[in-house]
Amino acid sequence: QVQPPYQSDVAAGFRHSQIVKLIDSIGNQHTRDTMDAIISDVYSLIGEKMTPGMLAIANDPEILPGVNGPKVIRALENWNFTCPSGVDGPKSNDPLVSDDAELLESAGCAAFHILLIELRARIEMNENAPEGRKPSIATYYSIVDPSQLIAGDVYWDDPGTMAVETKFDVMSDALNAAGDFLNGELGADETEWAWGRLHGLLLQSDLSSLSGLFAEFDNPPPGEPLWANDGGLFTVDVANPGQTDPVQLAGPSTRFVCESSPSGPSCTFQLPGGQSADVNSEHYEDLVFPYLDNTPFELVFDLETAAENAENGGEVVTFE
């Protein structure tokens, strides 16, 4: 007997809440441009919710943050919860942006995600939480508001040791690890910790993802720098990093906005790829660059216009 499918997971709700907030802020003046802006939004609502709790623990006198941990704290204190890449170009090894404010935002985003990775590794290991892109309930509320947990503020302790670890012990260890990692990967100056250096995007081919072979069809192929992308965990412009690695694992396969009018639909699109599947074609990745910049293209409905825009002897084919 075939069993009906059951929902096994739900979204954490941060993207939904941010979308509602953005829609409400615009009121009744929505246009296609405002919707393009909404789907490109990289404000970290989970960062806004969790950072004050992180800092409250991290700035306690009992914390021993090590040599580089204080840099993580400073980066978080200067963060206004947006996640630009901080890289002036499409690749993760391109130069940093010249805008100091944008670079500070990028550094704060990097500090938040790396510290969250380190905290999750310690708290969720203790509770045998399932792996996934979202922090467990115990991790989130241990930092944000332990009174929401039935068992209370107990999840910092590792039951596998004789000692009783406190949140100060765990935060000290996590700050040390996060600071050392960011210092080693991005340099000693925390104001230049560009998120896009770590948060690279890999466009993985079906052949590579299914078999582990044919990685040469990935974009970029092995050995080349990844695409530097903005956004972060649960931003409206989806850019979820991994649970243990900041490399981006999920993103929009298309950004598509349409507006209905008496004269017909008016639409834009963005695609993470190119107009050709031939790796040797000049059009193989020509849509990636505007995709990374959140630049929309007009979707052409008129067949004559499409034919006029076609290159290389292309022609429009209709099916009846």
C-alpha atoms as a PDB file:
ATOM      1  CA  GLN A   1       0.000   0.000   0.000  1.00  0.00           C
ATOM      2  CA  VAL A   2       1.375   3.384  -1.021  1.00  0.00           C
ATOM      3  CA  GLN A   3       1.488   5.848   1.840  1.00  0.00           C
ATOM      4  CA  PRO A   4       0.686   9.500   1.166  1.00  0.00           C
ATOM      5  CA  PRO A   5       3.631  11.888   1.478  1.00  0.00           C
ATOM      6  CA  TYR A   6       3.998  13.727   4.747  1.00  0.00           C
ATOM      7  CA  GLN A   7       5.710  17.012   5.356  1.00  0.00           C
ATOM      8  CA  SER A   8       8.958  16.294   7.165  1.00  0.00           C
ATOM      9  CA  ASP A   9      10.373  19.799   7.551  1.00  0.00           C
ATOM     10  CA  VAL A  10       9.234  23.409   7.640  1.00  0.00           C
ATOM     11  CA  ALA A  11      10.963  26.669   6.837  1.00  0.00           C
ATOM     12  CA  ALA A  12      12.241  28.628   9.808  1.00  0.00           C
ATOM     13  CA  GLY A  13      10.128  31.657   8.795  1.00  0.00           C
ATOM     14  CA  PHE A  14      12.815  34.331   8.601  1.00  0.00           C
ATOM     15  CA  ARG A  15      12.477  34.856   4.839  1.00  0.00           C
ATOM     16  CA  HIS A  16       8.693  35.000   5.117  1.00  0.00           C
ATOM     17  CA  SER A  17       8.860  37.584   7.907  1.00  0.00           C
ATOM     18  CA  GLN A  18      11.337  39.753   6.029  1.00  0.00           C
ATOM     19  CA  ILE A  19       9.262  39.589   2.819  1.00  0.00           C
ATOM     20  CA  VAL A  20       6.124  40.643   4.712  1.00  0.00           C
ATOM     21  CA  LYS A  21       8.034  43.517   6.335  1.00  0.00           C
ATOM     22  CA  LEU A  22       9.325  44.727   2.979  1.00  0.00           C
ATOM     23  CA  ILE A  23       5.895  44.491   1.351  1.00  0.00           C
ATOM     24  CA  ASP A  24       4.301  46.395   4.231  1.00  0.00           C
ATOM     25  CA  SER A  25       6.981  49.106   4.080  1.00  0.00           C
ATOM     26  CA  ILE A  26       6.123  49.845   0.454  1.00  0.00           C
ATOM     27  CA  GLY A  27       2.371  49.903   0.978  1.00  0.00           C
ATOM     28  CA  ASN A  28       0.200  50.150  -2.129  1.00  0.00           C
ATOM     29  CA  GLN A  29       2.900  51.534  -4.407  1.00  0.00           C
ATOM     30  CA  HIS A  30       4.255  48.223  -5.644  1.00  0.00           C
ATOM     31  CA  THR A  31       5.817  48.073  -9.078  1.00  0.00           C
ATOM     32  CA  ARG A  32       7.928  45.552 -10.883  1.00  0.00           C
ATOM     33  CA  ASP A  33      10.978  47.480  -9.681  1.00  0.00           C
ATOM     34  CA  THR A  34       9.982  47.197  -6.022  1.00  0.00           C
ATOM     35  CA  MET A  35       9.484  43.459  -6.404  1.00  0.00           C
ATOM     36  CA  ASP A  36      12.885  43.130  -8.079  1.00  0.00           C
ATOM     37  CA  ALA A  37      14.325  44.915  -5.029  1.00  0.00           C
ATOM     38  CA  ILE A  38      12.517  42.605  -2.601  1.00  0.00           C
ATOM     39  CA  ILE A  39      13.758  39.391  -4.198  1.00  0.00           C
ATOM     40  CA  SER A  40      17.302  40.849  -4.118  1.00  0.00           C
ATOM     41  CA  ASP A  41      17.158  41.681  -0.395  1.00  0.00           C
ATOM     42  CA  VAL A  42      20.138  40.423   1.652  1.00  0.00           C
ATOM     43  CA  TYR A  43      19.119  41.597   5.129  1.00  0.00           C
ATOM     44  CA  SER A  44      19.858  38.889   7.719  1.00  0.00           C
ATOM     45  CA  LEU A  45      16.808  38.696   9.969  1.00  0.00           C
ATOM     46  CA  ILE A  46      18.238  35.709  11.826  1.00  0.00           C
ATOM     47  CA  GLY A  47      21.393  37.762  12.337  1.00  0.00           C
ATOM     48  CA  GLU A  48      19.334  40.605  13.791  1.00  0.00           C
ATOM     49  CA  LYS A  49      17.640  38.174  16.198  1.00  0.00           C
ATOM     50  CA  MET A  50      20.726  36.229  17.297  1.00  0.00           C
ATOM     51  CA  THR A  51      23.542  38.786  17.369  1.00  0.00           C
ATOM     52  CA  PRO A  52      22.436  40.665  20.525  1.00  0.00           C
ATOM     53  CA  GLY A  53      22.357  37.372  22.434  1.00  0.00           C
ATOM     54  CA  MET A  54      25.744  36.371  21.049  1.00  0.00           C
ATOM     55  CA  LEU A  55      27.253  39.697  22.106  1.00  0.00           C
ATOM     56  CA  ALA A  56      25.638  39.595  25.552  1.00  0.00           C
ATOM     57  CA  ILE A  57      27.450  36.330  26.275  1.00  0.00           C
ATOM     58  CA  ALA A  58      30.635  37.230  24.393  1.00  0.00           C
ATOM     59  CA  ASN A  59      31.123  40.490  26.347  1.00  0.00           C
ATOM     60  CA  ASP A  60      30.689  38.874  29.765  1.00  0.00           C
ATOM     61  CA  PRO A  61      33.757  39.159  32.055  1.00  0.00           C
ATOM     62  CA  GLU A  62      33.951  35.342  32.252  1.00  0.00           C
ATOM     63  CA  ILE A  63      34.699  35.064  28.531  1.00  0.00           C
ATOM     64  CA  LEU A  64      38.243  34.170  27.465  1.00  0.00           C
ATOM     65  CA  PRO A  65      38.129  34.993  23.735  1.00  0.00           C
ATOM     66  CA  GLY A  66      41.791  34.354  22.927  1.00  0.00           C
ATOM     67  CA  VAL A  67      43.895  36.430  20.530  1.00  0.00           C
ATOM     68  CA  ASN A  68      41.487  36.697  17.590  1.00  0.00           C
ATOM     69  CA  GLY A  69      38.123  36.257  19.311  1.00  0.00           C
ATOM     70  CA  PRO A  70      37.861  39.996  20.144  1.00  0.00           C
ATOM     71  CA  LYS A  71      37.997  40.709  16.408  1.00  0.00           C
ATOM     72  CA  VAL A  72      34.851  38.615  15.936  1.00  0.00           C
ATOM     73  CA  ILE A  73      33.141  40.600  18.679  1.00  0.00           C
ATOM     74  CA  ARG A  74      34.125  43.936  17.110  1.00  0.00           C
ATOM     75  CA  ALA A  75      32.937  42.810  13.685  1.00  0.00           C
ATOM     76  CA  LEU A  76      29.548  41.852  15.149  1.00  0.00           C
ATOM     77  CA  GLU A  77      29.276  45.122  17.075  1.00  0.00           C
ATOM     78  CA  ASN A  78      29.765  47.084  13.834  1.00  0.00           C
ATOM     79  CA  TRP A  79      27.237  45.012  11.871  1.00  0.00           C
ATOM     80  CA  ASN A  80      23.860  46.346  10.701  1.00  0.00           C
ATOM     81  CA  PHE A  81      22.739  42.885   9.560  1.00  0.00           C
ATOM     82  CA  THR A  82      23.140  43.083   5.775  1.00  0.00           C
ATOM     83  CA  CYS A  83      25.257  40.630   3.791  1.00  0.00           C
ATOM     84  CA  PRO A  84      27.066  42.175   0.809  1.00  0.00           C
ATOM     85  CA  SER A  85      29.905  40.145  -0.655  1.00  0.00           C
ATOM     86  CA  GLY A  86      32.524  42.829   0.006  1.00  0.00           C
ATOM     87  CA  VAL A  87      34.256  41.792  -3.227  1.00  0.00           C
ATOM     88  CA  ASP A  88      34.497  44.108  -6.228  1.00  0.00           C
ATOM     89  CA  GLY A  89      34.012  41.548  -8.964  1.00  0.00           C
ATOM     90  CA  PRO A  90      32.358  38.221  -9.702  1.00  0.00           C
ATOM     91  CA  LYS A  91      35.089  35.915  -8.352  1.00  0.00           C
ATOM     92  CA  SER A  92      35.981  35.291  -4.712  1.00  0.00           C
ATOM     93  CA  ASN A  93      39.601  36.348  -5.254  1.00  0.00           C
ATOM     94  CA  ASP A  94      38.736  39.696  -6.868  1.00  0.00           C
ATOM     95  CA  PRO A  95      39.773  42.921  -5.040  1.00  0.00           C
ATOM     96  CA  LEU A  96      37.806  44.172  -2.054  1.00  0.00           C
ATOM     97  CA  VAL A  97      35.247  46.944  -2.499  1.00  0.00           C
ATOM     98  CA  SER A  98      36.442  50.473  -1.766  1.00  0.00           C
ATOM     99  CA  ASP A  99      33.337  51.376   0.256  1.00  0.00           C
ATOM    100  CA  ASP A 100      34.353  51.071   3.939  1.00  0.00           C
ATOM    101  CA  ALA A 101      30.750  50.851   5.172  1.00  0.00           C
ATOM    102  CA  GLU A 102      29.950  48.021   2.766  1.00  0.00           C
ATOM    103  CA  LEU A 103      33.101  46.188   3.785  1.00  0.00           C
ATOM    104  CA  LEU A 104      32.170  46.493   7.483  1.00  0.00           C
ATOM    105  CA  GLU A 105      28.773  44.987   6.717  1.00  0.00           C
ATOM    106  CA  SER A 106      30.421  42.142   4.822  1.00  0.00           C
ATOM    107  CA  ALA A 107      32.795  41.538   7.748  1.00  0.00           C
ATOM    108  CA  GLY A 108      29.935  41.436  10.234  1.00  0.00           C
ATOM    109  CA  CYS A 109      28.070  38.952   8.057  1.00  0.00           C
ATOM    110  CA  ALA A 110      31.184  36.749   7.863  1.00  0.00           C
ATOM    111  CA  ALA A 111      31.735  36.935  11.637  1.00  0.00           C
ATOM    112  CA  PHE A 112      28.107  35.999  12.341  1.00  0.00           C
ATOM    113  CA  HIS A 113      28.028  32.966  10.067  1.00  0.00           C
ATOM    114  CA  ILE A 114      31.391  31.576  11.172  1.00  0.00           C
ATOM    115  CA  LEU A 115      30.605  32.053  14.872  1.00  0.00           C
ATOM    116  CA  LEU A 116      27.202  30.406  14.344  1.00  0.00           C
ATOM    117  CA  ILE A 117      28.905  27.452  12.655  1.00  0.00           C
ATOM    118  CA  GLU A 118      31.233  27.060  15.650  1.00  0.00           C
ATOM    119  CA  LEU A 119      28.417  27.377  18.205  1.00  0.00           C
ATOM    120  CA  ARG A 120      26.236  24.891  16.361  1.00  0.00           C
ATOM    121  CA  ALA A 121      29.088  22.382  16.251  1.00  0.00           C
ATOM    122  CA  ARG A 122      29.314  22.488  20.037  1.00  0.00           C
ATOM    123  CA  ILE A 123      25.671  22.787  21.114  1.00  0.00           C
ATOM    124  CA  GLU A 124      24.091  20.463  18.553  1.00  0.00           C
ATOM    125  CA  MET A 125      26.788  17.842  19.083  1.00  0.00           C
ATOM    126  CA  ASN A 126      25.660  17.708  22.708  1.00  0.00           C
ATOM    127  CA  GLU A 127      22.003  17.162  21.847  1.00  0.00           C
ATOM    128  CA  ASN A 128      22.428  14.882  18.783  1.00  0.00           C
ATOM    129  CA  ALA A 129      20.433  17.328  16.677  1.00  0.00           C
ATOM    130  CA  PRO A 130      19.803  16.357  13.032  1.00  0.00           C
ATOM    131  CA  GLU A 131      21.994  18.005  10.438  1.00  0.00           C
ATOM    132  CA  GLY A 132      20.477  20.767   8.356  1.00  0.00           C
ATOM    133  CA  ARG A 133      20.919  24.328   7.239  1.00  0.00           C
ATOM    134  CA  LYS A 134      18.944  25.809  10.107  1.00  0.00           C
ATOM    135  CA  PRO A 135      20.130  25.985  13.735  1.00  0.00           C
ATOM    136  CA  SER A 136      18.304  23.689  16.124  1.00  0.00           C
ATOM    137  CA  ILE A 137      15.727  25.060  18.536  1.00  0.00           C
ATOM    138  CA  ALA A 138      18.192  24.466  21.365  1.00  0.00           C
ATOM    139  CA  THR A 139      20.948  26.455  19.639  1.00  0.00           C
ATOM    140  CA  TYR A 140      18.690  29.352  18.679  1.00  0.00           C
ATOM    141  CA  TYR A 141      16.945  29.828  22.021  1.00  0.00           C
ATOM    142  CA  SER A 142      20.025  29.081  24.136  1.00  0.00           C
ATOM    143  CA  ILE A 143      21.417  32.246  22.571  1.00  0.00           C
ATOM    144  CA  VAL A 144      18.255  34.335  22.079  1.00  0.00           C
ATOM    145  CA  ASP A 145      16.035  33.470  25.056  1.00  0.00           C
ATOM    146  CA  PRO A 146      16.641  30.292  27.133  1.00  0.00           C
ATOM    147  CA  SER A 147      13.341  30.821  28.992  1.00  0.00           C
ATOM    148  CA  GLN A 148      11.604  29.518  25.853  1.00  0.00           C
ATOM    149  CA  LEU A 149      13.194  26.083  26.349  1.00  0.00           C
ATOM    150  CA  ILE A 150      11.327  23.567  28.533  1.00  0.00           C
ATOM    151  CA  ALA A 151      14.609  22.214  29.926  1.00  0.00           C
ATOM    152  CA  GLY A 152      15.970  25.721  30.405  1.00  0.00           C
ATOM    153  CA  ASP A 153      19.528  26.910  29.839  1.00  0.00           C
ATOM    154  CA  VAL A 154      21.137  23.446  29.887  1.00  0.00           C
ATOM    155  CA  TYR A 155      22.226  22.771  26.313  1.00  0.00           C
ATOM    156  CA  TRP A 156      25.676  24.313  26.634  1.00  0.00           C
ATOM    157  CA  ASP A 157      26.876  21.393  28.753  1.00  0.00           C
ATOM    158  CA  ASP A 158      28.447  18.393  27.064  1.00  0.00           C
ATOM    159  CA  PRO A 159      27.006  15.333  28.867  1.00  0.00           C
ATOM    160  CA  GLY A 160      29.926  13.281  27.572  1.00  0.00           C
ATOM    161  CA  THR A 161      32.414  14.978  29.894  1.00  0.00           C
ATOM    162  CA  MET A 162      32.818  14.956  33.668  1.00  0.00           C
ATOM    163  CA  ALA A 163      32.922  18.767  33.798  1.00  0.00           C
ATOM    164  CA  VAL A 164      29.839  20.971  33.515  1.00  0.00           C
ATOM    165  CA  GLU A 165      30.429  23.352  30.609  1.00  0.00           C
ATOM    166  CA  THR A 166      28.752  26.754  30.814  1.00  0.00           C
ATOM    167  CA  LYS A 167      27.745  29.123  28.043  1.00  0.00           C
ATOM    168  CA  PHE A 168      30.870  31.122  28.856  1.00  0.00           C
ATOM    169  CA  ASP A 169      33.079  28.078  28.315  1.00  0.00           C
ATOM    170  CA  VAL A 170      31.408  27.243  25.013  1.00  0.00           C
ATOM    171  CA  MET A 171      31.335  30.828  23.747  1.00  0.00           C
ATOM    172  CA  SER A 172      35.014  31.295  24.668  1.00  0.00           C
ATOM    173  CA  ASP A 173      35.925  28.183  22.697  1.00  0.00           C
ATOM    174  CA  ALA A 174      33.747  29.187  19.736  1.00  0.00           C
ATOM    175  CA  LEU A 175      35.154  32.732  19.637  1.00  0.00           C
ATOM    176  CA  ASN A 176      38.697  31.362  19.666  1.00  0.00           C
ATOM    177  CA  ALA A 177      37.942  28.976  16.803  1.00  0.00           C
ATOM    178  CA  ALA A 178      35.977  31.522  14.733  1.00  0.00           C
ATOM    179  CA  GLY A 179      38.594  34.225  15.226  1.00  0.00           C
ATOM    180  CA  ASP A 180      41.487  31.951  14.322  1.00  0.00           C
ATOM    181  CA  PHE A 181      39.661  30.730  11.202  1.00  0.00           C
ATOM    182  CA  LEU A 182      38.750  34.209   9.957  1.00  0.00           C
ATOM    183  CA  ASN A 183      42.199  35.561  10.787  1.00  0.00           C
ATOM    184  CA  GLY A 184      43.815  32.711   8.869  1.00  0.00           C
ATOM    185  CA  GLU A 185      41.499  32.845   5.860  1.00  0.00           C
ATOM    186  CA  LEU A 186      40.835  36.585   5.509  1.00  0.00           C
ATOM    187  CA  GLY A 187      43.677  38.357   7.300  1.00  0.00           C
ATOM    188  CA  ALA A 188      44.376  40.099  10.587  1.00  0.00           C
ATOM    189  CA  ASP A 189      42.189  43.173   9.927  1.00  0.00           C
ATOM    190  CA  GLU A 190      38.599  42.299  10.858  1.00  0.00           C
ATOM    191  CA  THR A 191      37.277  45.324   8.948  1.00  0.00           C
ATOM    192  CA  GLU A 192      38.373  43.566   5.734  1.00  0.00           C
ATOM    193  CA  TRP A 193      36.793  40.173   6.336  1.00  0.00           C
ATOM    194  CA  ALA A 194      34.911  40.064   3.046  1.00  0.00           C
ATOM    195  CA  TRP A 195      32.076  37.554   3.182  1.00  0.00           C
ATOM    196  CA  GLY A 196      32.339  36.898  -0.562  1.00  0.00           C
ATOM    197  CA  ARG A 197      35.830  35.461  -0.068  1.00  0.00           C
ATOM    198  CA  LEU A 198      34.264  32.580   1.883  1.00  0.00           C
ATOM    199  CA  HIS A 199      30.702  32.528   0.598  1.00  0.00           C
ATOM    200  CA  GLY A 200      31.530  31.253  -2.859  1.00  0.00           C
ATOM    201  CA  LEU A 201      28.889  29.944  -5.242  1.00  0.00           C
ATOM    202  CA  LEU A 202      29.431  26.740  -7.202  1.00  0.00           C
ATOM    203  CA  LEU A 203      27.051  25.992 -10.068  1.00  0.00           C
ATOM    204  CA  GLN A 204      27.180  22.218  -9.992  1.00  0.00           C
ATOM    205  CA  SER A 205      26.262  20.151 -13.032  1.00  0.00           C
ATOM    206  CA  ASP A 206      23.764  17.323 -12.757  1.00  0.00           C
ATOM    207  CA  LEU A 207      26.422  14.834 -13.828  1.00  0.00           C
ATOM    208  CA  SER A 208      28.756  15.999 -11.091  1.00  0.00           C
ATOM    209  CA  SER A 209      26.123  16.159  -8.345  1.00  0.00           C
ATOM    210  CA  LEU A 210      24.686  12.720  -9.125  1.00  0.00           C
ATOM    211  CA  SER A 211      27.871  10.741  -9.665  1.00  0.00           C
ATOM    212  CA  GLY A 212      30.705  12.748  -8.159  1.00  0.00           C
ATOM    213  CA  LEU A 213      32.383  12.534 -11.561  1.00  0.00           C
ATOM    214  CA  PHE A 214      32.545  15.008 -14.450  1.00  0.00           C
ATOM    215  CA  ALA A 215      33.388  17.913 -12.142  1.00  0.00           C
ATOM    216  CA  GLU A 216      34.872  19.667 -15.180  1.00  0.00           C
ATOM    217  CA  PHE A 217      31.284  20.539 -16.118  1.00  0.00           C
ATOM    218  CA  ASP A 218      30.812  22.470 -12.867  1.00  0.00           C
ATOM    219  CA  ASN A 219      31.052  26.235 -13.035  1.00  0.00           C
ATOM    220  CA  PRO A 220      33.633  27.230 -11.972  1.00  0.00           C
ATOM    221  CA  PRO A 221      35.495  23.970 -12.660  1.00  0.00           C
ATOM    222  CA  PRO A 222      37.853  22.510 -10.031  1.00  0.00           C
ATOM    223  CA  GLY A 223      40.858  24.651  -9.193  1.00  0.00           C
ATOM    224  CA  GLU A 224      39.252  27.986 -10.107  1.00  0.00           C
ATOM    225  CA  PRO A 225      37.919  30.578  -7.621  1.00  0.00           C
ATOM    226  CA  LEU A 226      34.216  30.310  -6.846  1.00  0.00           C
ATOM    227  CA  TRP A 227      31.692  32.999  -7.744  1.00  0.00           C
ATOM    228  CA  ALA A 228      31.559  35.613  -4.967  1.00  0.00           C
ATOM    229  CA  ASN A 229      27.959  36.046  -3.874  1.00  0.00           C
ATOM    230  CA  ASP A 230      26.076  38.157  -1.379  1.00  0.00           C
ATOM    231  CA  GLY A 231      23.273  37.044   0.929  1.00  0.00           C
ATOM    232  CA  GLY A 232      23.384  34.518   3.722  1.00  0.00           C
ATOM    233  CA  LEU A 233      21.372  32.142   5.864  1.00  0.00           C
ATOM    234  CA  PHE A 234      17.627  32.740   5.331  1.00  0.00           C
ATOM    235  CA  THR A 235      18.008  36.015   3.427  1.00  0.00           C
ATOM    236  CA  VAL A 236      15.178  36.735   0.970  1.00  0.00           C
ATOM    237  CA  ASP A 237      17.698  36.381  -1.842  1.00  0.00           C
ATOM    238  CA  VAL A 238      18.395  32.756  -0.958  1.00  0.00           C
ATOM    239  CA  ALA A 239      22.079  32.090  -0.323  1.00  0.00           C
ATOM    240  CA  ASN A 240      22.218  29.470   2.432  1.00  0.00           C
ATOM    241  CA  PRO A 241      25.731  28.389   3.423  1.00  0.00           C
ATOM    242  CA  GLY A 242      26.461  24.905   4.664  1.00  0.00           C
ATOM    243  CA  GLN A 243      26.182  23.805   8.275  1.00  0.00           C
ATOM    244  CA  THR A 244      29.935  23.329   8.631  1.00  0.00           C
ATOM    245  CA  ASP A 245      31.254  25.247   5.616  1.00  0.00           C
ATOM    246  CA  PRO A 246      30.432  28.828   4.527  1.00  0.00           C
ATOM    247  CA  VAL A 247      30.337  27.914   0.824  1.00  0.00           C
ATOM    248  CA  GLN A 248      26.857  28.582  -0.584  1.00  0.00           C
ATOM    249  CA  LEU A 249      24.845  25.386  -1.051  1.00  0.00           C
ATOM    250  CA  ALA A 250      21.477  26.749  -2.141  1.00  0.00           C
ATOM    251  CA  GLY A 251      20.195  29.682  -4.133  1.00  0.00           C
ATOM    252  CA  PRO A 252      17.433  30.720  -6.543  1.00  0.00           C
ATOM    253  CA  SER A 253      17.410  28.747  -9.790  1.00  0.00           C
ATOM    254  CA  THR A 254      15.598  31.751 -11.247  1.00  0.00           C
ATOM    255  CA  ARG A 255      14.420  35.173 -10.151  1.00  0.00           C
ATOM    256  CA  PHE A 256      11.184  35.936 -11.962  1.00  0.00           C
ATOM    257  CA  VAL A 257       8.904  38.963 -11.587  1.00  0.00           C
ATOM    258  CA  CYS A 258       5.788  39.746 -13.635  1.00  0.00           C
ATOM    259  CA  GLU A 259       3.348  42.628 -13.643  1.00  0.00           C
ATOM    260  CA  SER A 260      -0.096  42.310 -15.226  1.00  0.00           C
ATOM    261  CA  SER A 261      -1.543  45.230 -17.125  1.00  0.00           C
ATOM    262  CA  PRO A 262      -4.305  45.803 -19.706  1.00  0.00           C
ATOM    263  CA  SER A 263      -1.672  45.752 -22.457  1.00  0.00           C
ATOM    264  CA  GLY A 264      -0.310  42.378 -21.317  1.00  0.00           C
ATOM    265  CA  PRO A 265       2.284  40.994 -18.899  1.00  0.00           C
ATOM    266  CA  SER A 266       5.591  42.745 -18.298  1.00  0.00           C
ATOM    267  CA  CYS A 267       8.245  40.458 -16.808  1.00  0.00           C
ATOM    268  CA  THR A 268      11.905  40.246 -15.829  1.00  0.00           C
ATOM    269  CA  PHE A 269      14.103  37.236 -15.180  1.00  0.00           C
ATOM    270  CA  GLN A 270      17.548  36.345 -13.846  1.00  0.00           C
ATOM    271  CA  LEU A 271      19.252  32.985 -14.361  1.00  0.00           C
ATOM    272  CA  PRO A 272      22.458  31.554 -12.829  1.00  0.00           C
ATOM    273  CA  GLY A 273      24.002  30.300 -16.045  1.00  0.00           C
ATOM    274  CA  GLY A 274      24.206  31.243 -19.678  1.00  0.00           C
ATOM    275  CA  GLN A 275      22.354  31.185 -22.959  1.00  0.00           C
ATOM    276  CA  SER A 276      24.359  28.198 -24.170  1.00  0.00           C
ATOM    277  CA  ALA A 277      25.170  24.831 -22.598  1.00  0.00           C
ATOM    278  CA  ASP A 278      28.376  24.599 -24.646  1.00  0.00           C
ATOM    279  CA  VAL A 279      31.292  25.197 -22.269  1.00  0.00           C
ATOM    280  CA  ASN A 280      33.268  26.662 -25.188  1.00  0.00           C
ATOM    281  CA  SER A 281      30.604  29.179 -26.146  1.00  0.00           C
ATOM    282  CA  GLU A 282      30.981  32.871 -25.337  1.00  0.00           C
ATOM    283  CA  HIS A 283      27.418  32.668 -24.032  1.00  0.00           C
ATOM    284  CA  TYR A 284      28.064  29.747 -21.655  1.00  0.00           C
ATOM    285  CA  GLU A 285      28.077  31.924 -18.519  1.00  0.00           C
ATOM    286  CA  ASP A 286      26.956  35.341 -19.752  1.00  0.00           C
ATOM    287  CA  LEU A 287      23.897  35.422 -17.468  1.00  0.00           C
ATOM    288  CA  VAL A 288      25.906  34.634 -14.324  1.00  0.00           C
ATOM    289  CA  PHE A 289      27.352  38.136 -14.048  1.00  0.00           C
ATOM    290  CA  PRO A 290      24.017  40.028 -13.928  1.00  0.00           C
ATOM    291  CA  TYR A 291      22.644  37.266 -11.690  1.00  0.00           C
ATOM    292  CA  LEU A 292      25.385  37.950  -9.130  1.00  0.00           C
ATOM    293  CA  ASP A 293      24.648  41.687  -9.363  1.00  0.00           C
ATOM    294  CA  ASN A 294      20.872  41.107  -9.125  1.00  0.00           C
ATOM    295  CA  THR A 295      20.350  42.788 -12.509  1.00  0.00           C
ATOM    296  CA  PRO A 296      17.084  41.711 -14.197  1.00  0.00           C
ATOM    297  CA  PHE A 297      16.518  41.181 -17.924  1.00  0.00           C
ATOM    298  CA  GLU A 298      13.334  41.957 -19.796  1.00  0.00           C
ATOM    299  CA  LEU A 299      11.462  38.829 -20.841  1.00  0.00           C
ATOM    300  CA  VAL A 300      10.578  39.249 -24.513  1.00  0.00           C
ATOM    301  CA  PHE A 301       7.125  38.020 -25.541  1.00  0.00           C
ATOM    302  CA  ASP A 302       6.986  39.467 -29.049  1.00  0.00           C
ATOM    303  CA  LEU A 303       8.282  36.966 -31.615  1.00  0.00           C
ATOM    304  CA  GLU A 304       9.442  39.611 -34.083  1.00  0.00           C
ATOM    305  CA  THR A 305      11.471  41.364 -31.389  1.00  0.00           C
ATOM    306  CA  ALA A 306      12.976  38.051 -30.307  1.00  0.00           C
ATOM    307  CA  ALA A 307      13.972  37.290 -33.889  1.00  0.00           C
ATOM    308  CA  GLU A 308      15.559  40.739 -34.288  1.00  0.00           C
ATOM    309  CA  ASN A 309      17.595  40.211 -31.092  1.00  0.00           C
ATOM    310  CA  ALA A 310      18.766  36.717 -32.036  1.00  0.00           C
ATOM    311  CA  GLU A 311      22.495  36.206 -32.717  1.00  0.00           C
ATOM    312  CA  ASN A 312      24.451  33.717 -34.802  1.00  0.00           C
ATOM    313  CA  GLY A 313      21.667  33.208 -37.302  1.00  0.00           C
ATOM    314  CA  GLY A 314      19.195  32.224 -34.617  1.00  0.00           C
ATOM    315  CA  GLU A 315      15.555  32.010 -35.512  1.00  0.00           C
ATOM    316  CA  VAL A 316      12.338  31.766 -33.562  1.00  0.00           C
ATOM    317  CA  VAL A 317      10.515  28.445 -33.822  1.00  0.00           C
ATOM    318  CA  THR A 318       6.842  28.185 -32.953  1.00  0.00           C
ATOM    319  CA  PHE A 319       4.976  24.996 -32.078  1.00  0.00           C
ATOM    320  CA  GLU A 320       1.292  24.356 -32.730  1.00  0.00           C
END
